[in-house]
Protein backbone atom coordinates (compact mmCIF):
# COMPACT_ATOMS: atom_id res chain seq x y z
CA UNK A 1 -43.74 15.20 4.92
CA UNK A 2 -44.00 15.69 1.19
CA UNK A 3 -41.95 18.89 1.24
CA UNK A 4 -39.33 17.20 3.41
CA UNK A 5 -39.15 14.36 0.88
CA UNK A 6 -38.70 16.85 -1.95
CA UNK A 7 -35.94 18.78 -0.18
CA UNK A 8 -34.13 15.59 0.83
CA UNK A 9 -34.49 14.35 -2.76
CA UNK A 10 -32.93 17.53 -4.15
CA UNK A 11 -29.99 17.34 -1.77
CA UNK A 12 -29.50 13.60 -2.31
CA UNK A 13 -29.67 13.96 -6.10
CA UNK A 14 -27.07 16.74 -6.06
CA UNK A 15 -24.79 14.73 -3.77
CA UNK A 16 -25.41 11.65 -5.95
CA UNK A 17 -23.66 13.37 -8.86
CA UNK A 18 -20.50 13.83 -6.79
CA UNK A 19 -18.67 10.47 -6.87
CA UNK A 20 -16.86 10.79 -3.54
CA UNK A 21 -19.93 12.04 -1.68
CA UNK A 22 -22.50 9.68 -3.13
CA UNK A 23 -22.39 7.27 -0.19
CA UNK A 24 -23.27 10.13 2.14
CA UNK A 25 -26.53 10.59 0.24
CA UNK A 26 -27.69 6.96 0.40
CA UNK A 27 -29.31 7.04 3.85
CA UNK A 28 -31.11 10.39 3.29
CA UNK A 29 -32.30 9.19 -0.14
CA UNK A 30 -33.85 6.07 1.39
CA UNK A 31 -35.41 8.16 4.17
CA UNK A 32 -36.77 10.65 1.63
CA UNK A 33 -38.22 7.83 -0.45
CA UNK A 34 -40.02 6.41 2.59
CA UNK A 35 -41.32 9.87 3.55
CA UNK A 36 -42.56 10.39 0.01
CA UNK A 37 -44.35 7.04 -0.06
CA UNK A 38 -46.05 7.66 3.28
CA UNK A 39 -47.09 11.17 2.30
CA UNK A 40 -48.34 9.99 -1.10
CA UNK A 41 -50.52 7.31 0.48
CA UNK A 42 -51.94 9.71 3.09
CA UNK A 43 -52.76 12.36 0.50
CA UNK A 44 -54.28 9.81 -1.82
CA UNK A 45 -56.70 8.65 0.90
CA UNK A 46 -57.91 12.21 1.45
CA UNK A 47 -58.03 13.14 -2.27
CA UNK A 48 -55.42 15.86 -1.80
CA UNK A 49 -52.91 16.83 -4.51
CA UNK A 50 -50.01 14.37 -4.59
CA UNK A 51 -47.59 16.15 -6.94
CA UNK A 52 -45.01 17.23 -4.37
CA UNK A 53 -44.87 13.77 -2.80
CA UNK A 54 -44.47 12.20 -6.25
CA UNK A 55 -41.67 14.61 -7.13
CA UNK A 56 -39.90 13.75 -3.88
CA UNK A 57 -40.17 10.02 -4.61
CA UNK A 58 -38.82 10.50 -8.13
CA UNK A 59 -35.86 12.60 -6.99
CA UNK A 60 -34.97 10.15 -4.25
CA UNK A 61 -35.26 7.26 -6.71
CA UNK A 62 -32.92 9.06 -9.12
CA UNK A 63 -30.44 9.66 -6.31
CA UNK A 64 -30.48 5.97 -5.35
CA UNK A 65 -29.94 4.96 -8.98
CA UNK A 66 -27.04 7.43 -9.32
CA UNK A 67 -25.38 6.05 -6.21
CA UNK A 68 -25.80 2.49 -7.45
CA UNK A 69 -24.47 3.46 -10.88
CA UNK A 70 -21.38 5.16 -9.52
CA UNK A 71 -20.75 2.18 -7.24
CA UNK A 72 -20.91 -0.23 -10.16
CA UNK A 73 -18.69 1.94 -12.36
CA UNK A 74 -16.04 2.36 -9.69
CA UNK A 75 -16.18 -1.31 -8.73
CA UNK A 76 -15.73 -2.32 -12.38
CA UNK A 77 -12.84 0.12 -12.72
CA UNK A 78 -11.22 -1.28 -9.62
CA UNK A 79 -11.59 -4.85 -10.88
CA UNK A 80 -10.16 -4.06 -14.31
CA UNK A 81 -7.24 -2.10 -12.91
CA UNK A 82 -6.26 -5.16 -10.85
CA UNK A 83 -6.39 -7.36 -13.94
CA UNK A 84 -4.24 -5.07 -16.06
CA UNK A 85 -1.14 -5.29 -13.87
CA UNK A 86 1.61 -7.21 -15.62
């Protein structure tokens, strides 16, 4: 599960940088974050290395923040463009 979280995080982070495709990455980013959390907790109970699960959680968190950032920027741009019409 930790490798799946990492791969999903990489794909979601790359798609998060593309403004038109960022909404497509929201559901996989949330799924990858959940997979990373579950894998991290399981590996922590058994004293196994948790680095890959942590990297997956970080990448998915970055992707979610990118999607939220782009949404706020485009929403603010849409609001200001409506106000600037004379």
